[in-house]
């Protein structure tokens, strides 16, 4: 529903109110994007310009030296690969397991399913920080410390995703599932050809949330992956900043590189949400 109807725009008060909304949104956009723009422009400045007592918004001379030094001297390609690999792996494992669990709770109705579902909801009451040491002890006994599988298993078990999927699957009409069963479709075909196509909005939201949580996670990968060769981009930048000796403009480049995947992934998810909403309607 629109905030201002077309009829209201015909009078001066409606036009004034719309103008006020545009001004507020413009101010909000400037506040949101100015730090990112400042970070981006700073990647083209020299180190002396960034540490100057009187900062300037635009560089005196646009230069790519900071980018060249960041990738050549610190070789962050391996960290980028580790980050992408872990994000993709966790998203795939979590999406598959959460879909199967949510479908079971929503459509198959197993015995004691409600009790198990409540237990899973209860896990959301615990702080992530409180689970650090129990997770470390469990992974140590399993011999997975230093293995990427430890972080994949830890981050893939997320009750939040199961809750989202289950609530969305509950709204899919039973008639579609019964019609598919009459046509001979088994459980997996129902999931692939009915559940997933009609659930694009919730998949986009959950995958986006999973990506942001995994991409920005710091404590769990730092604890579970002590080897430097397995570090993600976030841990590597933290280590470089603590070690010192990194130029300010090079640090700007490293920080800006970490922002790019989040921005791209968010824009992709937004488009998928809109497409999912427009194509998931069911006509009688």
C-alpha atoms as a PDB file:
ATOM      1  CA  UNK A   1       0.000   0.000   0.000  1.00  0.00           C
ATOM      2  CA  UNK A   2       1.356   3.395  -1.007  1.00  0.00           C
ATOM      3  CA  UNK A   3       2.122   5.972   1.662  1.00  0.00           C
ATOM      4  CA  UNK A   4       0.470   8.690  -0.429  1.00  0.00           C
ATOM      5  CA  UNK A   5      -2.376   7.916  -2.799  1.00  0.00           C
ATOM      6  CA  UNK A   6      -2.648   9.493  -6.247  1.00  0.00           C
ATOM      7  CA  UNK A   7      -5.705  11.459  -5.115  1.00  0.00           C
ATOM      8  CA  UNK A   8      -3.724  13.067  -2.285  1.00  0.00           C
ATOM      9  CA  UNK A   9      -1.014  14.210  -4.690  1.00  0.00           C
ATOM     10  CA  UNK A  10      -3.488  16.527  -6.383  1.00  0.00           C
ATOM     11  CA  UNK A  11      -3.625  18.901  -3.402  1.00  0.00           C
ATOM     12  CA  UNK A  12      -0.762  21.060  -2.059  1.00  0.00           C
ATOM     13  CA  UNK A  13      -0.562  19.235   1.284  1.00  0.00           C
ATOM     14  CA  UNK A  14      -0.010  15.907  -0.423  1.00  0.00           C
ATOM     15  CA  UNK A  15       2.734  17.321  -2.651  1.00  0.00           C
ATOM     16  CA  UNK A  16       4.409  18.967   0.346  1.00  0.00           C
ATOM     17  CA  UNK A  17       4.298  15.708   2.310  1.00  0.00           C
ATOM     18  CA  UNK A  18       5.802  13.801  -0.635  1.00  0.00           C
ATOM     19  CA  UNK A  19       8.581  16.382  -0.954  1.00  0.00           C
ATOM     20  CA  UNK A  20       9.315  16.026   2.761  1.00  0.00           C
ATOM     21  CA  UNK A  21       9.574  12.244   2.390  1.00  0.00           C
ATOM     22  CA  UNK A  22      12.023  12.639  -0.505  1.00  0.00           C
ATOM     23  CA  UNK A  23      14.172  15.037   1.540  1.00  0.00           C
ATOM     24  CA  UNK A  24      14.293  12.632   4.505  1.00  0.00           C
ATOM     25  CA  UNK A  25      15.169   9.699   2.233  1.00  0.00           C
ATOM     26  CA  UNK A  26      17.876  11.760   0.526  1.00  0.00           C
ATOM     27  CA  UNK A  27      19.443  12.692   3.860  1.00  0.00           C
ATOM     28  CA  UNK A  28      19.291   9.064   4.965  1.00  0.00           C
ATOM     29  CA  UNK A  29      20.933   7.923   1.724  1.00  0.00           C
ATOM     30  CA  UNK A  30      23.773  10.423   2.169  1.00  0.00           C
ATOM     31  CA  UNK A  31      24.349   9.287   5.756  1.00  0.00           C
ATOM     32  CA  UNK A  32      24.370   5.646   4.690  1.00  0.00           C
ATOM     33  CA  UNK A  33      26.582   5.913   1.618  1.00  0.00           C
ATOM     34  CA  UNK A  34      28.997   8.708   2.547  1.00  0.00           C
ATOM     35  CA  UNK A  35      31.303   6.456   4.649  1.00  0.00           C
ATOM     36  CA  UNK A  36      31.473   3.906   1.832  1.00  0.00           C
ATOM     37  CA  UNK A  37      32.168   6.602  -0.747  1.00  0.00           C
ATOM     38  CA  UNK A  38      34.843   8.092   1.508  1.00  0.00           C
ATOM     39  CA  UNK A  39      36.424   4.651   1.854  1.00  0.00           C
ATOM     40  CA  UNK A  40      36.358   4.106  -1.917  1.00  0.00           C
ATOM     41  CA  UNK A  41      37.854   7.512  -2.732  1.00  0.00           C
ATOM     42  CA  UNK A  42      40.500   6.995  -0.058  1.00  0.00           C
ATOM     43  CA  UNK A  43      41.834   3.941  -1.888  1.00  0.00           C
ATOM     44  CA  UNK A  44      43.106   6.258  -4.628  1.00  0.00           C
ATOM     45  CA  UNK A  45      44.866   8.675  -2.283  1.00  0.00           C
ATOM     46  CA  UNK A  46      48.439   8.617  -1.097  1.00  0.00           C
ATOM     47  CA  UNK A  47      49.264   7.720   2.483  1.00  0.00           C
ATOM     48  CA  UNK A  48      50.257  11.329   3.241  1.00  0.00           C
ATOM     49  CA  UNK A  49      46.882  12.611   2.088  1.00  0.00           C
ATOM     50  CA  UNK A  50      45.004  10.226   4.379  1.00  0.00           C
ATOM     51  CA  UNK A  51      47.010  11.104   7.497  1.00  0.00           C
ATOM     52  CA  UNK A  52      46.945  14.838   6.751  1.00  0.00           C
ATOM     53  CA  UNK A  53      45.580  17.087   9.507  1.00  0.00           C
ATOM     54  CA  UNK A  54      43.264  18.731   6.949  1.00  0.00           C
ATOM     55  CA  UNK A  55      41.666  15.877   4.993  1.00  0.00           C
ATOM     56  CA  UNK A  56      40.384  16.401   1.468  1.00  0.00           C
ATOM     57  CA  UNK A  57      37.516  14.479  -0.054  1.00  0.00           C
ATOM     58  CA  UNK A  58      39.085  14.010  -3.496  1.00  0.00           C
ATOM     59  CA  UNK A  59      42.713  12.977  -4.042  1.00  0.00           C
ATOM     60  CA  UNK A  60      45.107  15.401  -5.649  1.00  0.00           C
ATOM     61  CA  UNK A  61      46.110  12.672  -8.091  1.00  0.00           C
ATOM     62  CA  UNK A  62      44.166   9.451  -8.661  1.00  0.00           C
ATOM     63  CA  UNK A  63      46.502   6.495  -8.265  1.00  0.00           C
ATOM     64  CA  UNK A  64      46.203   2.693  -8.196  1.00  0.00           C
ATOM     65  CA  UNK A  65      49.424   2.229  -6.238  1.00  0.00           C
ATOM     66  CA  UNK A  66      47.546   1.210  -3.088  1.00  0.00           C
ATOM     67  CA  UNK A  67      45.685  -1.538  -4.968  1.00  0.00           C
ATOM     68  CA  UNK A  68      48.890  -2.838  -6.518  1.00  0.00           C
ATOM     69  CA  UNK A  69      50.686  -2.911  -3.168  1.00  0.00           C
ATOM     70  CA  UNK A  70      47.752  -4.515  -1.344  1.00  0.00           C
ATOM     71  CA  UNK A  71      47.494  -7.480  -3.702  1.00  0.00           C
ATOM     72  CA  UNK A  72      51.197  -7.822  -4.531  1.00  0.00           C
ATOM     73  CA  UNK A  73      52.740  -7.380  -1.091  1.00  0.00           C
ATOM     74  CA  UNK A  74      50.161  -9.044   1.133  1.00  0.00           C
ATOM     75  CA  UNK A  75      48.854 -11.677  -1.315  1.00  0.00           C
ATOM     76  CA  UNK A  76      45.270 -11.770  -0.062  1.00  0.00           C
ATOM     77  CA  UNK A  77      44.032 -13.965  -2.914  1.00  0.00           C
ATOM     78  CA  UNK A  78      44.309 -17.076  -0.742  1.00  0.00           C
ATOM     79  CA  UNK A  79      42.259 -15.384   1.976  1.00  0.00           C
ATOM     80  CA  UNK A  80      39.631 -14.370  -0.567  1.00  0.00           C
ATOM     81  CA  UNK A  81      39.464 -17.959  -1.810  1.00  0.00           C
ATOM     82  CA  UNK A  82      39.080 -19.288   1.741  1.00  0.00           C
ATOM     83  CA  UNK A  83      36.283 -16.820   2.424  1.00  0.00           C
ATOM     84  CA  UNK A  84      34.376 -17.605  -0.778  1.00  0.00           C
ATOM     85  CA  UNK A  85      34.836 -21.351  -0.354  1.00  0.00           C
ATOM     86  CA  UNK A  86      33.550 -21.330   3.211  1.00  0.00           C
ATOM     87  CA  UNK A  87      30.585 -19.080   2.403  1.00  0.00           C
ATOM     88  CA  UNK A  88      29.485 -21.217  -0.550  1.00  0.00           C
ATOM     89  CA  UNK A  89      30.005 -24.494   1.314  1.00  0.00           C
ATOM     90  CA  UNK A  90      28.067 -23.388   4.374  1.00  0.00           C
ATOM     91  CA  UNK A  91      25.222 -21.937   2.303  1.00  0.00           C
ATOM     92  CA  UNK A  92      24.875 -25.161   0.278  1.00  0.00           C
ATOM     93  CA  UNK A  93      25.022 -27.492   3.291  1.00  0.00           C
ATOM     94  CA  UNK A  94      22.719 -25.346   5.383  1.00  0.00           C
ATOM     95  CA  UNK A  95      20.165 -24.845   2.595  1.00  0.00           C
ATOM     96  CA  UNK A  96      19.932 -28.571   1.877  1.00  0.00           C
ATOM     97  CA  UNK A  97      19.709 -29.715   5.504  1.00  0.00           C
ATOM     98  CA  UNK A  98      17.383 -26.902   6.574  1.00  0.00           C
ATOM     99  CA  UNK A  99      15.055 -27.512   3.628  1.00  0.00           C
ATOM    100  CA  UNK A 100      14.761 -31.221   4.415  1.00  0.00           C
ATOM    101  CA  UNK A 101      14.214 -30.554   8.129  1.00  0.00           C
ATOM    102  CA  UNK A 102      11.654 -27.803   7.514  1.00  0.00           C
ATOM    103  CA  UNK A 103       9.780 -29.927   4.954  1.00  0.00           C
ATOM    104  CA  UNK A 104       9.635 -32.776   7.444  1.00  0.00           C
ATOM    105  CA  UNK A 105       8.250 -30.556  10.221  1.00  0.00           C
ATOM    106  CA  UNK A 106       5.797 -28.801   7.907  1.00  0.00           C
ATOM    107  CA  UNK A 107       4.432 -31.527   5.619  1.00  0.00           C
ATOM    108  CA  UNK A 108       5.454 -34.976   6.884  1.00  0.00           C
ATOM    109  CA  UNK A 109       4.536 -34.317  10.539  1.00  0.00           C
ATOM    110  CA  UNK A 110       6.812 -36.951  12.165  1.00  0.00           C
ATOM    111  CA  UNK A 111       6.082 -38.362  15.608  1.00  0.00           C
ATOM    112  CA  UNK A 112       7.384 -36.073  18.349  1.00  0.00           C
ATOM    113  CA  UNK A 113       8.135 -33.534  15.626  1.00  0.00           C
ATOM    114  CA  UNK A 114       6.616 -30.699  17.650  1.00  0.00           C
ATOM    115  CA  UNK A 115       8.817 -31.511  20.651  1.00  0.00           C
ATOM    116  CA  UNK A 116      11.963 -31.633  18.517  1.00  0.00           C
ATOM    117  CA  UNK A 117      10.955 -28.381  16.830  1.00  0.00           C
ATOM    118  CA  UNK A 118      10.584 -26.674  20.209  1.00  0.00           C
ATOM    119  CA  UNK A 119      14.031 -27.903  21.220  1.00  0.00           C
ATOM    120  CA  UNK A 120      15.470 -26.373  18.066  1.00  0.00           C
ATOM    121  CA  UNK A 121      13.713 -23.091  18.827  1.00  0.00           C
ATOM    122  CA  UNK A 122      15.249 -23.217  22.299  1.00  0.00           C
ATOM    123  CA  UNK A 123      18.745 -23.167  20.825  1.00  0.00           C
ATOM    124  CA  UNK A 124      18.039 -19.626  19.600  1.00  0.00           C
ATOM    125  CA  UNK A 125      17.974 -18.477  23.235  1.00  0.00           C
ATOM    126  CA  UNK A 126      21.720 -19.039  23.669  1.00  0.00           C
ATOM    127  CA  UNK A 127      24.271 -16.413  22.780  1.00  0.00           C
ATOM    128  CA  UNK A 128      26.740 -17.334  20.062  1.00  0.00           C
ATOM    129  CA  UNK A 129      29.607 -16.302  22.321  1.00  0.00           C
ATOM    130  CA  UNK A 130      28.406 -18.716  25.006  1.00  0.00           C
ATOM    131  CA  UNK A 131      28.741 -21.577  22.524  1.00  0.00           C
ATOM    132  CA  UNK A 132      32.379 -20.882  21.674  1.00  0.00           C
ATOM    133  CA  UNK A 133      34.042 -23.092  24.269  1.00  0.00           C
ATOM    134  CA  UNK A 134      31.557 -26.011  24.028  1.00  0.00           C
ATOM    135  CA  UNK A 135      32.006 -25.952  20.268  1.00  0.00           C
ATOM    136  CA  UNK A 136      35.784 -25.891  20.577  1.00  0.00           C
ATOM    137  CA  UNK A 137      35.749 -28.832  23.014  1.00  0.00           C
ATOM    138  CA  UNK A 138      33.425 -30.826  20.762  1.00  0.00           C
ATOM    139  CA  UNK A 139      35.504 -30.186  17.639  1.00  0.00           C
ATOM    140  CA  UNK A 140      38.707 -31.025  19.540  1.00  0.00           C
ATOM    141  CA  UNK A 141      37.329 -34.423  20.565  1.00  0.00           C
ATOM    142  CA  UNK A 142      36.249 -35.005  16.964  1.00  0.00           C
ATOM    143  CA  UNK A 143      39.750 -34.110  15.752  1.00  0.00           C
ATOM    144  CA  UNK A 144      38.480 -31.377  13.430  1.00  0.00           C
ATOM    145  CA  UNK A 145      40.379 -28.370  14.779  1.00  0.00           C
ATOM    146  CA  UNK A 146      42.313 -26.896  11.863  1.00  0.00           C
ATOM    147  CA  UNK A 147      39.944 -28.431   9.315  1.00  0.00           C
ATOM    148  CA  UNK A 148      37.473 -26.379   7.265  1.00  0.00           C
ATOM    149  CA  UNK A 149      34.873 -29.063   8.021  1.00  0.00           C
ATOM    150  CA  UNK A 150      34.736 -27.858  11.632  1.00  0.00           C
ATOM    151  CA  UNK A 151      33.469 -24.412  10.636  1.00  0.00           C
ATOM    152  CA  UNK A 152      31.128 -25.837   7.986  1.00  0.00           C
ATOM    153  CA  UNK A 153      29.487 -28.177  10.496  1.00  0.00           C
ATOM    154  CA  UNK A 154      29.275 -25.470  13.152  1.00  0.00           C
ATOM    155  CA  UNK A 155      27.739 -22.786  10.938  1.00  0.00           C
ATOM    156  CA  UNK A 156      25.448 -25.064   8.931  1.00  0.00           C
ATOM    157  CA  UNK A 157      23.400 -26.055  11.993  1.00  0.00           C
ATOM    158  CA  UNK A 158      21.192 -22.964  12.272  1.00  0.00           C
ATOM    159  CA  UNK A 159      17.697 -23.310  13.725  1.00  0.00           C
ATOM    160  CA  UNK A 160      16.810 -19.843  12.453  1.00  0.00           C
ATOM    161  CA  UNK A 161      16.858 -21.088   8.851  1.00  0.00           C
ATOM    162  CA  UNK A 162      14.677 -24.090   9.686  1.00  0.00           C
ATOM    163  CA  UNK A 163      12.141 -21.844  11.401  1.00  0.00           C
ATOM    164  CA  UNK A 164      11.958 -19.503   8.406  1.00  0.00           C
ATOM    165  CA  UNK A 165      11.547 -22.317   5.911  1.00  0.00           C
ATOM    166  CA  UNK A 166       9.026 -24.210   8.038  1.00  0.00           C
ATOM    167  CA  UNK A 167       6.783 -21.180   8.525  1.00  0.00           C
ATOM    168  CA  UNK A 168       6.863 -20.449   4.800  1.00  0.00           C
ATOM    169  CA  UNK A 169       6.211 -24.074   3.802  1.00  0.00           C
ATOM    170  CA  UNK A 170       3.148 -24.096   6.077  1.00  0.00           C
ATOM    171  CA  UNK A 171       1.492 -21.561   3.769  1.00  0.00           C
ATOM    172  CA  UNK A 172       1.894 -23.711   0.642  1.00  0.00           C
ATOM    173  CA  UNK A 173      -1.524 -25.329  -0.049  1.00  0.00           C
ATOM    174  CA  UNK A 174      -1.863 -29.023   0.662  1.00  0.00           C
ATOM    175  CA  UNK A 175      -3.778 -29.398  -2.603  1.00  0.00           C
ATOM    176  CA  UNK A 176      -0.562 -28.897  -4.565  1.00  0.00           C
ATOM    177  CA  UNK A 177       1.231 -31.574  -2.569  1.00  0.00           C
ATOM    178  CA  UNK A 178      -1.676 -34.020  -2.881  1.00  0.00           C
ATOM    179  CA  UNK A 179      -1.925 -33.407  -6.617  1.00  0.00           C
ATOM    180  CA  UNK A 180       1.793 -34.105  -6.972  1.00  0.00           C
ATOM    181  CA  UNK A 181       1.435 -37.318  -4.995  1.00  0.00           C
ATOM    182  CA  UNK A 182      -1.415 -38.446  -7.257  1.00  0.00           C
ATOM    183  CA  UNK A 183       0.829 -37.819 -10.268  1.00  0.00           C
ATOM    184  CA  UNK A 184       3.450 -40.092  -8.694  1.00  0.00           C
ATOM    185  CA  UNK A 185       5.845 -37.453  -7.372  1.00  0.00           C
ATOM    186  CA  UNK A 186       7.886 -38.570  -4.390  1.00  0.00           C
ATOM    187  CA  UNK A 187       9.124 -36.436  -1.528  1.00  0.00           C
ATOM    188  CA  UNK A 188      12.245 -35.146  -3.269  1.00  0.00           C
ATOM    189  CA  UNK A 189      10.373 -34.309  -6.488  1.00  0.00           C
ATOM    190  CA  UNK A 190       7.823 -32.375  -4.449  1.00  0.00           C
ATOM    191  CA  UNK A 191      10.624 -30.384  -2.855  1.00  0.00           C
ATOM    192  CA  UNK A 192      12.416 -29.709  -6.138  1.00  0.00           C
ATOM    193  CA  UNK A 193       9.396 -28.901  -8.315  1.00  0.00           C
ATOM    194  CA  UNK A 194       6.906 -27.381  -5.870  1.00  0.00           C
ATOM    195  CA  UNK A 195       8.469 -26.269  -2.596  1.00  0.00           C
ATOM    196  CA  UNK A 196      11.631 -24.596  -3.895  1.00  0.00           C
ATOM    197  CA  UNK A 197      10.060 -22.713  -6.874  1.00  0.00           C
ATOM    198  CA  UNK A 198       7.304 -21.299  -4.642  1.00  0.00           C
ATOM    199  CA  UNK A 199       9.727 -20.390  -1.838  1.00  0.00           C
ATOM    200  CA  UNK A 200      12.139 -18.112  -3.695  1.00  0.00           C
ATOM    201  CA  UNK A 201      11.532 -15.095  -1.416  1.00  0.00           C
ATOM    202  CA  UNK A 202      12.366 -16.948   1.784  1.00  0.00           C
ATOM    203  CA  UNK A 203      15.382 -18.659   0.193  1.00  0.00           C
ATOM    204  CA  UNK A 204      16.742 -15.293  -0.900  1.00  0.00           C
ATOM    205  CA  UNK A 205      16.301 -13.841   2.592  1.00  0.00           C
ATOM    206  CA  UNK A 206      17.805 -16.841   4.380  1.00  0.00           C
ATOM    207  CA  UNK A 207      20.752 -17.214   2.010  1.00  0.00           C
ATOM    208  CA  UNK A 208      21.500 -13.505   2.340  1.00  0.00           C
ATOM    209  CA  UNK A 209      21.399 -13.713   6.150  1.00  0.00           C
ATOM    210  CA  UNK A 210      23.605 -16.804   6.092  1.00  0.00           C
ATOM    211  CA  UNK A 211      26.129 -15.159   3.809  1.00  0.00           C
ATOM    212  CA  UNK A 212      26.324 -12.028   5.957  1.00  0.00           C
ATOM    213  CA  UNK A 213      26.679 -14.074   9.156  1.00  0.00           C
ATOM    214  CA  UNK A 214      29.419 -16.311   7.751  1.00  0.00           C
ATOM    215  CA  UNK A 215      31.249 -13.584   5.852  1.00  0.00           C
ATOM    216  CA  UNK A 216      31.432 -11.310   8.897  1.00  0.00           C
ATOM    217  CA  UNK A 217      32.106 -14.080  11.418  1.00  0.00           C
ATOM    218  CA  UNK A 218      35.367 -13.641  13.257  1.00  0.00           C
ATOM    219  CA  UNK A 219      35.448 -15.616  16.508  1.00  0.00           C
ATOM    220  CA  UNK A 220      34.526 -19.072  15.212  1.00  0.00           C
ATOM    221  CA  UNK A 221      36.958 -19.198  12.259  1.00  0.00           C
ATOM    222  CA  UNK A 222      39.701 -17.710  14.429  1.00  0.00           C
ATOM    223  CA  UNK A 223      39.132 -20.437  17.009  1.00  0.00           C
ATOM    224  CA  UNK A 224      38.543 -23.381  14.679  1.00  0.00           C
ATOM    225  CA  UNK A 225      41.119 -22.512  11.974  1.00  0.00           C
ATOM    226  CA  UNK A 226      44.405 -21.627  13.706  1.00  0.00           C
ATOM    227  CA  UNK A 227      46.528 -22.191  10.580  1.00  0.00           C
ATOM    228  CA  UNK A 228      47.307 -18.972   8.747  1.00  0.00           C
ATOM    229  CA  UNK A 229      46.779 -20.600   5.351  1.00  0.00           C
ATOM    230  CA  UNK A 230      43.114 -21.199   6.268  1.00  0.00           C
ATOM    231  CA  UNK A 231      42.377 -17.669   7.458  1.00  0.00           C
ATOM    232  CA  UNK A 232      39.481 -15.758   5.988  1.00  0.00           C
ATOM    233  CA  UNK A 233      39.771 -12.201   4.746  1.00  0.00           C
ATOM    234  CA  UNK A 234      38.435 -10.734   7.992  1.00  0.00           C
ATOM    235  CA  UNK A 235      41.017 -12.518  10.146  1.00  0.00           C
ATOM    236  CA  UNK A 236      43.874 -11.605   7.793  1.00  0.00           C
ATOM    237  CA  UNK A 237      42.995  -7.907   7.861  1.00  0.00           C
ATOM    238  CA  UNK A 238      42.722  -8.015  11.656  1.00  0.00           C
ATOM    239  CA  UNK A 239      46.154  -9.650  11.887  1.00  0.00           C
ATOM    240  CA  UNK A 240      47.700  -7.098   9.536  1.00  0.00           C
ATOM    241  CA  UNK A 241      46.204  -4.204  11.464  1.00  0.00           C
ATOM    242  CA  UNK A 242      47.485  -5.564  14.780  1.00  0.00           C
ATOM    243  CA  UNK A 243      50.935  -6.232  13.372  1.00  0.00           C
ATOM    244  CA  UNK A 244      51.238  -2.623  12.235  1.00  0.00           C
ATOM    245  CA  UNK A 245      53.348  -1.333   9.386  1.00  0.00           C
ATOM    246  CA  UNK A 246      50.457  -1.274   6.892  1.00  0.00           C
ATOM    247  CA  UNK A 247      50.009   2.022   5.097  1.00  0.00           C
ATOM    248  CA  UNK A 248      46.736   3.808   5.592  1.00  0.00           C
ATOM    249  CA  UNK A 249      45.778   3.803   1.903  1.00  0.00           C
ATOM    250  CA  UNK A 250      46.595   0.087   1.621  1.00  0.00           C
ATOM    251  CA  UNK A 251      44.370  -0.608   4.638  1.00  0.00           C
ATOM    252  CA  UNK A 252      41.617   1.361   2.894  1.00  0.00           C
ATOM    253  CA  UNK A 253      41.958  -0.961  -0.091  1.00  0.00           C
ATOM    254  CA  UNK A 254      41.767  -4.066   2.088  1.00  0.00           C
ATOM    255  CA  UNK A 255      38.679  -2.772   3.881  1.00  0.00           C
ATOM    256  CA  UNK A 256      36.986  -1.770   0.634  1.00  0.00           C
ATOM    257  CA  UNK A 257      37.645  -5.208  -0.847  1.00  0.00           C
ATOM    258  CA  UNK A 258      35.813  -6.760   2.101  1.00  0.00           C
ATOM    259  CA  UNK A 259      32.772  -4.571   1.388  1.00  0.00           C
ATOM    260  CA  UNK A 260      32.396  -5.530  -2.282  1.00  0.00           C
ATOM    261  CA  UNK A 261      31.031  -9.104  -1.847  1.00  0.00           C
ATOM    262  CA  UNK A 262      28.451  -7.962   0.691  1.00  0.00           C
ATOM    263  CA  UNK A 263      27.188  -5.207  -1.587  1.00  0.00           C
ATOM    264  CA  UNK A 264      27.032  -7.455  -4.655  1.00  0.00           C
ATOM    265  CA  UNK A 265      25.384 -10.317  -2.783  1.00  0.00           C
ATOM    266  CA  UNK A 266      22.816  -7.980  -1.235  1.00  0.00           C
ATOM    267  CA  UNK A 267      21.847  -6.514  -4.611  1.00  0.00           C
ATOM    268  CA  UNK A 268      21.490 -10.008  -6.071  1.00  0.00           C
ATOM    269  CA  UNK A 269      19.308 -11.105  -3.159  1.00  0.00           C
ATOM    270  CA  UNK A 270      17.083  -8.057  -3.495  1.00  0.00           C
ATOM    271  CA  UNK A 271      16.400  -8.868  -7.130  1.00  0.00           C
ATOM    272  CA  UNK A 272      15.638 -12.493  -6.315  1.00  0.00           C
ATOM    273  CA  UNK A 273      13.219 -11.447  -3.588  1.00  0.00           C
ATOM    274  CA  UNK A 274      11.266  -9.277  -6.019  1.00  0.00           C
ATOM    275  CA  UNK A 275      11.215 -11.993  -8.658  1.00  0.00           C
ATOM    276  CA  UNK A 276      10.141 -14.590  -6.112  1.00  0.00           C
ATOM    277  CA  UNK A 277       7.263 -12.473  -4.842  1.00  0.00           C
ATOM    278  CA  UNK A 278       5.971 -11.830  -8.359  1.00  0.00           C
ATOM    279  CA  UNK A 279       6.173 -15.472  -9.483  1.00  0.00           C
ATOM    280  CA  UNK A 280       5.091 -17.335  -6.367  1.00  0.00           C
ATOM    281  CA  UNK A 281       1.411 -16.429  -6.511  1.00  0.00           C
ATOM    282  CA  UNK A 282      -1.073 -19.266  -6.898  1.00  0.00           C
ATOM    283  CA  UNK A 283      -4.148 -18.694  -8.988  1.00  0.00           C
ATOM    284  CA  UNK A 284      -7.311 -20.609  -8.274  1.00  0.00           C
END
